Amino acid sequence: MDLDLTPEQRMIRDTARDFATRDVLPHAAGIDRRHEFPREIMAKLGTLGLMGVGVPEAWGGAGMDTVSYVLALEEIARACAATAVIMSVNNSLVCGPILAHGSDAQKRAWLPDLASGRKLGCFALSEPESGSDAGALRTSARRAGDSGFILNGTKNFVTNGPVADVVVLLASTDPAAGSKGISAFIVDARNPGLKFGPPDDKLGIRGAPSAQLFATDAVVSADAMLGVPGSGYKIALGALDAGRIGIAAQALGIARAAFEDATKYALERKTFGQPIARHQAIEFKLADMSTEIDAARLMIWRAAVKKDQGARYTSEAAMAKLLASEVANRVAKEAVQVFGGYGYLTDFPVERHFRDAKITEIYEGTSEIQRMVIARAVLGA
């Protein structure tokens, strides 16, 4: 489905598709089975410009638009959901905020390496007692004279954390001000006051390591602050809006993988003298899958276009993530059903798609949070 894609958008989609088919898909099952961070694949994605799709060429990126980004991310996710979310976090939650709010010095210091894949970023927002309620975070940033800040607190579920080189970290510089007292910091992951816990043992996306992050009297300089004091909450919300488009594209890729694998199997597997794809019960499943996947893709493209136009896209991003993540889970579930007993075995890819799909309804805003965002837009709240 090309619609009105530009030649440049088709090129990045086709480049990502070729790379995903050739260099990612053959390793996806092993990455999942071994909980293995795909280091070589990530380096190649950087070489292709896919670790900083929206970063201008002047800062070392590909200089492409958001539509190009979701096209590429869908292709990578179709091959390996774990690889896709590593790419998504680096693009949306790390490069994005630095590009939008960083000083020239910060952009110069971080973006060329992040966009090229020489370094990897992570985003530290969620905490043990503040996930969806990001404004209630407790990590503190106490001023250390005029020279900097001292960070203390615990972050949860930091995707890329155990292998990251840089952390975009949210902390309170003015607890009395609530969400208006939250500030954002760019912190070198080698800071001696930062320590990551053991990698989380997860249901899916096992090749994308995540962990708790502990900040214990971590000293950062004043120029580590991203944006101005008290702007961290708005920075985080903006990053999450963009990130939700990326997670929607990841979910779409998972759905497509499950659908394509189920279709191929249904054409090969025979019962009662014909392929099961010719039985109406299976035909209807495949028809529903295809319809919902196309609907999700159009929703994602709408959100991406609005972002590229510079328009407000919070509601559209929430709708895209809500629909795409729920489609991914429905399609993956039905794909397992098409495979029958084989779908329950790790020998076949649909059980991995089934496990990978679930997280897309949870991270970067649960489905319940997306409905809240959408409802507020509908009701004008």
Protein backbone atom coordinates (compact mmCIF):
# COMPACT_ATOMS: atom_id res chain seq x y z
CA MET A 1 0.00 0.00 0.00
CA ASP A 2 1.94 3.04 -1.30
CA LEU A 3 -0.73 5.75 -1.58
CA ASP A 4 1.21 8.98 -2.16
CA LEU A 5 4.60 7.99 -0.79
CA THR A 6 7.49 10.01 -2.15
CA PRO A 7 10.40 8.32 -3.89
CA GLU A 8 12.53 8.99 -0.80
CA GLN A 9 9.94 7.35 1.47
CA ARG A 10 9.71 4.31 -0.78
CA MET A 11 13.49 4.11 -0.84
CA ILE A 12 13.88 4.03 2.95
CA ARG A 13 11.03 1.52 3.26
CA ASP A 14 12.57 -0.77 0.66
CA THR A 15 16.04 -0.40 2.16
CA ALA A 16 14.70 -1.33 5.59
CA ARG A 17 12.70 -4.24 4.14
CA ASP A 18 15.69 -5.68 2.30
CA PHE A 19 17.92 -5.35 5.35
CA ALA A 20 15.27 -6.81 7.67
CA THR A 21 14.69 -9.81 5.40
CA ARG A 22 18.37 -10.49 4.79
CA ASP A 23 20.10 -9.54 8.05
CA VAL A 24 17.48 -9.49 10.81
CA LEU A 25 14.82 -12.14 10.22
CA PRO A 26 17.23 -15.11 10.10
CA HIS A 27 18.48 -14.19 13.58
CA ALA A 28 15.18 -13.21 15.22
CA ALA A 29 14.39 -16.58 16.80
CA GLY A 30 17.91 -16.88 18.21
CA ILE A 31 17.84 -13.34 19.59
CA ASP A 32 14.61 -14.21 21.40
CA ARG A 33 15.75 -17.61 22.62
CA ARG A 34 19.09 -16.37 23.98
CA HIS A 35 17.81 -12.99 25.26
CA GLU A 36 20.58 -11.59 23.08
CA PHE A 37 21.14 -7.90 22.39
CA PRO A 38 21.61 -7.68 18.58
CA ARG A 39 24.74 -5.55 18.69
CA GLU A 40 25.93 -6.16 15.13
CA ILE A 41 22.45 -5.54 13.72
CA MET A 42 22.17 -2.25 15.60
CA ALA A 43 25.51 -1.10 14.22
CA LYS A 44 24.31 -1.85 10.69
CA LEU A 45 21.06 0.02 11.33
CA GLY A 46 23.19 3.01 12.28
CA THR A 47 25.15 2.75 9.06
CA LEU A 48 21.87 2.77 7.12
CA GLY A 49 20.74 5.93 8.94
CA LEU A 50 17.93 4.16 10.79
CA MET A 51 19.06 5.02 14.31
CA GLY A 52 18.50 8.73 13.71
CA VAL A 53 15.93 8.87 10.93
CA GLY A 54 14.61 12.32 11.83
CA VAL A 55 17.93 13.83 12.85
CA PRO A 56 19.13 16.37 10.27
CA GLU A 57 22.20 15.48 8.25
CA ALA A 58 24.04 18.39 9.89
CA TRP A 59 23.83 16.47 13.18
CA GLY A 60 24.72 13.11 11.66
CA GLY A 61 21.26 11.74 10.92
CA ALA A 62 19.31 10.71 7.84
CA GLY A 63 17.23 13.91 7.75
CA MET A 64 14.03 12.07 6.85
CA ASP A 65 10.44 12.66 7.96
CA THR A 66 8.22 10.78 10.40
CA VAL A 67 6.43 8.87 7.65
CA SER A 68 9.81 7.49 6.55
CA TYR A 69 10.53 6.54 10.14
CA VAL A 70 7.34 4.51 10.62
CA LEU A 71 7.77 2.84 7.24
CA ALA A 72 11.25 1.69 8.21
CA LEU A 73 10.27 0.71 11.74
CA GLU A 74 7.38 -1.45 10.52
CA GLU A 75 9.79 -3.40 8.31
CA ILE A 76 12.30 -3.97 11.12
CA ALA A 77 9.51 -4.98 13.53
CA ARG A 78 8.12 -7.43 11.00
CA ALA A 79 11.46 -9.24 11.23
CA CYS A 80 12.26 -8.77 14.95
CA ALA A 81 10.16 -6.83 17.45
CA ALA A 82 13.04 -6.55 19.92
CA THR A 83 15.34 -4.94 17.38
CA ALA A 84 12.56 -2.53 16.44
CA VAL A 85 11.96 -1.25 19.97
CA ILE A 86 15.68 -0.64 20.50
CA MET A 87 15.59 1.44 17.32
CA SER A 88 12.38 3.17 18.39
CA VAL A 89 13.68 4.25 21.81
CA ASN A 90 16.88 5.66 20.34
CA ASN A 91 14.98 7.61 17.67
CA SER A 92 11.86 8.80 19.50
CA LEU A 93 12.80 9.05 23.17
CA VAL A 94 16.46 10.04 22.96
CA CYS A 95 17.34 11.72 19.67
CA GLY A 96 13.92 13.38 19.51
CA PRO A 97 14.08 15.30 22.81
CA ILE A 98 17.73 16.26 22.30
CA LEU A 99 16.95 17.56 18.82
CA ALA A 100 13.87 19.47 19.98
CA HIS A 101 15.19 20.91 23.25
CA GLY A 102 18.95 20.55 23.30
CA SER A 103 21.46 23.35 22.99
CA ASP A 104 23.82 23.35 20.03
CA ALA A 105 26.52 22.06 22.35
CA GLN A 106 24.33 19.17 23.50
CA LYS A 107 23.34 18.31 19.95
CA ARG A 108 26.97 18.39 18.87
CA ALA A 109 28.01 16.23 21.83
CA TRP A 110 25.40 13.50 21.46
CA LEU A 111 23.46 13.40 18.20
CA PRO A 112 26.15 12.38 15.70
CA ASP A 113 27.07 9.29 17.72
CA LEU A 114 23.46 8.39 18.56
CA ALA A 115 22.21 8.83 15.00
CA SER A 116 25.07 6.80 13.55
CA GLY A 117 24.64 3.92 15.96
CA ARG A 118 28.06 4.44 17.52
CA LYS A 119 26.24 5.11 20.78
CA LEU A 120 22.86 4.02 22.11
CA GLY A 121 20.43 5.96 24.26
CA CYS A 122 17.76 5.12 26.82
CA PHE A 123 14.91 7.05 28.46
CA ALA A 124 14.41 6.92 32.22
CA LEU A 125 10.95 8.08 33.30
CA SER A 126 8.95 5.29 34.96
CA GLU A 127 9.55 4.54 38.64
CA PRO A 128 8.40 1.84 41.07
CA GLU A 129 5.52 4.05 42.23
CA SER A 130 4.99 6.27 39.18
CA GLY A 131 4.50 4.66 35.81
CA SER A 132 1.41 6.06 34.13
CA ASP A 133 1.35 8.88 36.70
CA ALA A 134 4.62 10.37 35.50
CA GLY A 135 4.01 13.62 37.35
CA ALA A 136 4.39 11.79 40.67
CA LEU A 137 7.99 10.73 40.11
CA ARG A 138 10.28 10.84 43.14
CA THR A 139 13.77 10.90 41.64
CA SER A 140 15.34 14.14 42.82
CA ALA A 141 17.86 16.53 41.31
CA ARG A 142 19.28 18.65 44.12
CA ARG A 143 21.35 21.67 43.23
CA ALA A 144 25.06 21.44 44.03
CA GLY A 145 25.86 25.16 44.13
CA ASP A 146 26.02 26.73 40.69
CA SER A 147 28.01 23.92 39.17
CA GLY A 148 25.39 21.22 38.77
CA PHE A 149 22.96 18.76 40.33
CA ILE A 150 23.01 15.61 42.44
CA LEU A 151 20.60 12.90 41.27
CA ASN A 152 19.01 10.31 43.54
CA GLY A 153 16.24 7.84 42.78
CA THR A 154 15.17 4.64 41.07
CA LYS A 155 13.83 4.16 37.55
CA ASN A 156 12.00 1.08 36.27
CA PHE A 157 11.78 -0.70 32.92
CA VAL A 158 14.55 1.31 31.23
CA THR A 159 14.67 -0.18 27.73
CA ASN A 160 18.23 -0.28 26.33
CA GLY A 161 19.47 0.61 29.82
CA PRO A 162 21.97 -2.23 30.37
CA VAL A 163 23.68 -1.47 27.04
CA ALA A 164 23.09 2.30 26.78
CA ASP A 165 25.77 4.98 26.54
CA VAL A 166 23.52 7.91 27.41
CA VAL A 167 20.40 8.37 29.53
CA VAL A 168 17.68 10.99 29.13
CA LEU A 169 16.58 11.09 32.76
CA LEU A 170 13.63 12.88 34.38
CA ALA A 171 13.98 14.16 37.94
CA SER A 172 12.37 16.70 40.22
CA THR A 173 14.28 19.93 40.74
CA ASP A 174 11.39 21.49 42.69
CA PRO A 175 9.25 18.90 44.51
CA ALA A 176 6.82 21.54 45.77
CA ALA A 177 5.88 22.43 42.18
CA GLY A 178 4.68 18.93 41.26
CA SER A 179 4.87 18.19 37.53
CA LYS A 180 6.00 21.78 36.88
CA GLY A 181 9.09 21.08 38.98
CA ILE A 182 10.32 18.18 36.84
CA SER A 183 13.43 18.71 34.72
CA ALA A 184 15.18 16.58 32.11
CA PHE A 185 18.88 15.70 32.05
CA ILE A 186 21.24 14.11 29.55
CA VAL A 187 23.54 11.86 31.57
CA ASP A 188 26.50 9.78 30.48
CA ALA A 189 25.64 6.18 31.40
CA ARG A 190 29.19 5.76 32.73
CA ASN A 191 28.50 8.30 35.49
CA PRO A 192 29.79 6.61 38.67
CA GLY A 193 26.56 7.48 40.48
CA LEU A 194 24.46 5.46 38.04
CA LYS A 195 24.05 1.71 38.25
CA PHE A 196 21.75 -0.61 36.32
CA GLY A 197 20.23 -3.66 37.96
CA PRO A 198 20.15 -7.08 36.31
CA PRO A 199 18.26 -7.26 33.01
CA ASP A 200 14.53 -7.89 33.38
CA ASP A 201 13.44 -11.45 32.57
CA LYS A 202 10.60 -10.72 30.16
CA LEU A 203 7.75 -12.48 28.39
CA GLY A 204 8.66 -11.02 25.02
CA ILE A 205 10.99 -8.61 23.17
CA ARG A 206 13.76 -10.50 24.94
CA GLY A 207 16.56 -9.10 22.82
CA ALA A 208 15.78 -5.56 23.97
CA PRO A 209 17.31 -5.47 27.44
CA SER A 210 15.61 -3.42 30.13
CA ALA A 211 16.44 -2.94 33.79
CA GLN A 212 16.06 -0.77 36.83
CA LEU A 213 18.35 2.26 37.07
CA PHE A 214 19.64 3.44 40.43
CA ALA A 215 20.96 6.98 40.82
CA THR A 216 22.93 7.38 44.03
CA ASP A 217 24.45 10.83 44.52
CA ALA A 218 25.10 11.00 40.78
CA VAL A 219 26.73 14.35 40.08
CA VAL A 220 25.96 16.03 36.77
CA SER A 221 27.03 19.43 35.52
CA ALA A 222 24.57 22.27 35.02
CA ASP A 223 24.89 21.94 31.26
CA ALA A 224 23.49 18.40 31.48
CA MET A 225 20.00 19.85 31.86
CA LEU A 226 17.89 19.45 28.73
CA GLY A 227 15.74 22.50 28.16
CA VAL A 228 15.00 24.87 31.03
CA PRO A 229 14.30 24.06 34.69
CA GLY A 230 10.77 22.72 35.16
CA SER A 231 10.27 21.83 31.48
CA GLY A 232 10.95 18.12 31.93
CA TYR A 233 7.35 17.01 32.18
CA LYS A 234 6.45 18.72 28.89
CA ILE A 235 9.59 17.28 27.30
CA ALA A 236 8.61 13.81 28.47
CA LEU A 237 5.03 14.13 27.20
CA GLY A 238 6.27 15.35 23.83
CA ALA A 239 8.72 12.47 23.60
CA LEU A 240 5.98 10.00 24.48
CA ASP A 241 3.67 11.41 21.81
CA ALA A 242 6.35 10.74 19.22
CA GLY A 243 7.25 7.44 20.86
CA ARG A 244 3.67 6.23 20.63
CA ILE A 245 3.80 6.58 16.86
CA GLY A 246 6.93 4.43 16.92
CA ILE A 247 5.39 1.78 19.17
CA ALA A 248 2.33 1.74 16.92
CA ALA A 249 4.63 1.00 13.98
CA GLN A 250 6.32 -1.74 16.00
CA ALA A 251 2.92 -3.26 16.79
CA LEU A 252 1.99 -3.06 13.12
CA GLY A 253 5.14 -4.94 12.18
CA ILE A 254 4.36 -7.67 14.71
CA ALA A 255 0.81 -7.95 13.36
CA ARG A 256 2.09 -8.19 9.82
CA ALA A 257 4.57 -10.90 10.77
CA ALA A 258 1.85 -12.96 12.44
CA PHE A 259 -0.51 -12.47 9.49
CA GLU A 260 2.06 -13.31 6.83
CA ASP A 261 3.28 -16.38 8.69
CA ALA A 262 -0.30 -17.56 9.25
CA THR A 263 -1.23 -17.01 5.60
CA LYS A 264 1.80 -18.94 4.36
CA TYR A 265 1.06 -21.82 6.73
CA ALA A 266 -2.65 -21.86 5.82
CA LEU A 267 -1.77 -22.25 2.14
CA GLU A 268 0.60 -25.16 2.88
CA ARG A 269 -1.28 -27.07 5.59
CA LYS A 270 -3.95 -29.41 4.20
CA THR A 271 -6.97 -30.97 5.85
CA PHE A 272 -9.87 -32.78 4.22
CA GLY A 273 -8.04 -32.74 0.91
CA GLN A 274 -7.41 -29.01 0.58
CA PRO A 275 -5.33 -26.22 2.13
CA ILE A 276 -6.88 -24.94 5.36
CA ALA A 277 -6.82 -21.47 3.77
CA ARG A 278 -9.76 -22.67 1.65
CA HIS A 279 -11.91 -23.42 4.69
CA GLN A 280 -14.22 -20.53 5.44
CA ALA A 281 -13.32 -20.48 9.14
CA ILE A 282 -9.71 -19.73 8.23
CA GLU A 283 -10.58 -17.46 5.29
CA PHE A 284 -12.56 -15.19 7.60
CA LYS A 285 -9.72 -15.01 10.12
CA LEU A 286 -7.28 -13.97 7.40
CA ALA A 287 -9.74 -11.44 5.99
CA ASP A 288 -10.21 -9.82 9.40
CA MET A 289 -6.45 -9.76 10.01
CA SER A 290 -5.75 -8.06 6.70
CA THR A 291 -8.49 -5.48 7.20
CA GLU A 292 -7.37 -4.52 10.70
CA ILE A 293 -3.71 -4.29 9.69
CA ASP A 294 -4.53 -1.87 6.88
CA ALA A 295 -6.71 0.21 9.20
CA ALA A 296 -3.91 0.43 11.78
CA ARG A 297 -1.39 1.40 9.13
CA LEU A 298 -3.56 4.25 7.89
CA MET A 299 -4.05 5.49 11.46
CA ILE A 300 -0.27 5.46 12.00
CA TRP A 301 0.38 7.30 8.75
CA ARG A 302 -2.18 9.96 9.71
CA ALA A 303 -0.41 10.60 13.01
CA ALA A 304 2.98 10.69 11.28
CA VAL A 305 1.75 13.17 8.66
CA LYS A 306 0.33 15.48 11.32
CA LYS A 307 3.65 15.41 13.16
CA ASP A 308 5.49 16.23 9.94
CA GLN A 309 3.10 19.13 9.31
CA GLY A 310 3.96 20.60 12.70
CA ALA A 311 0.36 20.19 13.88
CA ARG A 312 -0.71 18.90 17.28
CA TYR A 313 -0.90 15.13 17.08
CA THR A 314 -1.30 13.89 20.68
CA SER A 315 -4.74 12.38 20.10
CA GLU A 316 -3.82 10.89 16.74
CA ALA A 317 -0.71 9.26 18.22
CA ALA A 318 -2.79 7.82 21.06
CA MET A 319 -5.38 6.47 18.61
CA ALA A 320 -2.68 4.94 16.44
CA LYS A 321 -0.99 3.21 19.37
CA LEU A 322 -4.27 2.03 20.86
CA LEU A 323 -5.53 0.54 17.61
CA ALA A 324 -2.23 -0.90 16.39
CA SER A 325 -1.36 -2.54 19.71
CA GLU A 326 -4.78 -4.14 20.05
CA VAL A 327 -4.68 -5.27 16.41
CA ALA A 328 -1.26 -6.83 17.01
CA ASN A 329 -2.61 -8.82 19.93
CA ARG A 330 -5.74 -9.96 18.09
CA VAL A 331 -3.84 -10.92 14.95
CA ALA A 332 -1.13 -12.76 16.88
CA LYS A 333 -3.77 -14.67 18.85
CA GLU A 334 -5.60 -15.69 15.69
CA ALA A 335 -2.33 -16.64 14.00
CA VAL A 336 -1.63 -19.11 16.80
CA GLN A 337 -5.12 -20.50 16.23
CA VAL A 338 -4.46 -20.92 12.50
CA PHE A 339 -1.33 -22.91 13.30
CA GLY A 340 -3.29 -25.06 15.75
CA GLY A 341 -1.10 -27.15 18.04
CA TYR A 342 2.02 -26.12 16.14
CA GLY A 343 1.33 -22.51 17.05
CA TYR A 344 1.96 -23.39 20.67
CA LEU A 345 5.45 -24.68 19.94
CA THR A 346 8.61 -22.60 19.96
CA ASP A 347 9.59 -24.29 16.68
CA PHE A 348 7.21 -21.91 14.91
CA PRO A 349 7.41 -18.10 14.92
CA VAL A 350 3.82 -17.25 15.84
CA GLU A 351 4.27 -18.03 19.52
CA ARG A 352 7.03 -15.40 19.56
CA HIS A 353 4.77 -12.89 17.83
CA PHE A 354 2.08 -13.69 20.42
CA ARG A 355 4.50 -12.95 23.28
CA ASP A 356 6.04 -9.88 21.64
CA ALA A 357 2.66 -8.29 20.91
CA LYS A 358 1.51 -7.96 24.51
CA ILE A 359 4.01 -5.29 25.58
CA THR A 360 2.77 -2.88 22.90
CA GLU A 361 -0.44 -2.47 24.94
CA ILE A 362 1.62 -1.53 28.00
CA TYR A 363 4.75 0.53 27.43
CA GLU A 364 4.85 4.21 26.47
CA GLY A 365 1.33 4.51 27.87
CA THR A 366 -1.03 1.61 28.49
CA SER A 367 -4.19 1.19 26.42
CA GLU A 368 -6.10 2.63 29.36
CA ILE A 369 -3.94 5.77 29.29
CA GLN A 370 -4.45 6.09 25.52
CA ARG A 371 -8.21 5.99 26.03
CA MET A 372 -7.91 8.73 28.65
CA VAL A 373 -5.92 10.88 26.22
CA ILE A 374 -8.41 10.30 23.42
CA ALA A 375 -11.44 10.90 25.65
CA ARG A 376 -10.02 14.22 26.86
CA ALA A 377 -9.58 15.33 23.25
CA VAL A 378 -13.11 14.24 22.38
CA LEU A 379 -14.61 16.00 25.40
CA GLY A 380 -12.43 19.09 25.09
CA ALA A 381 -10.94 18.58 28.55
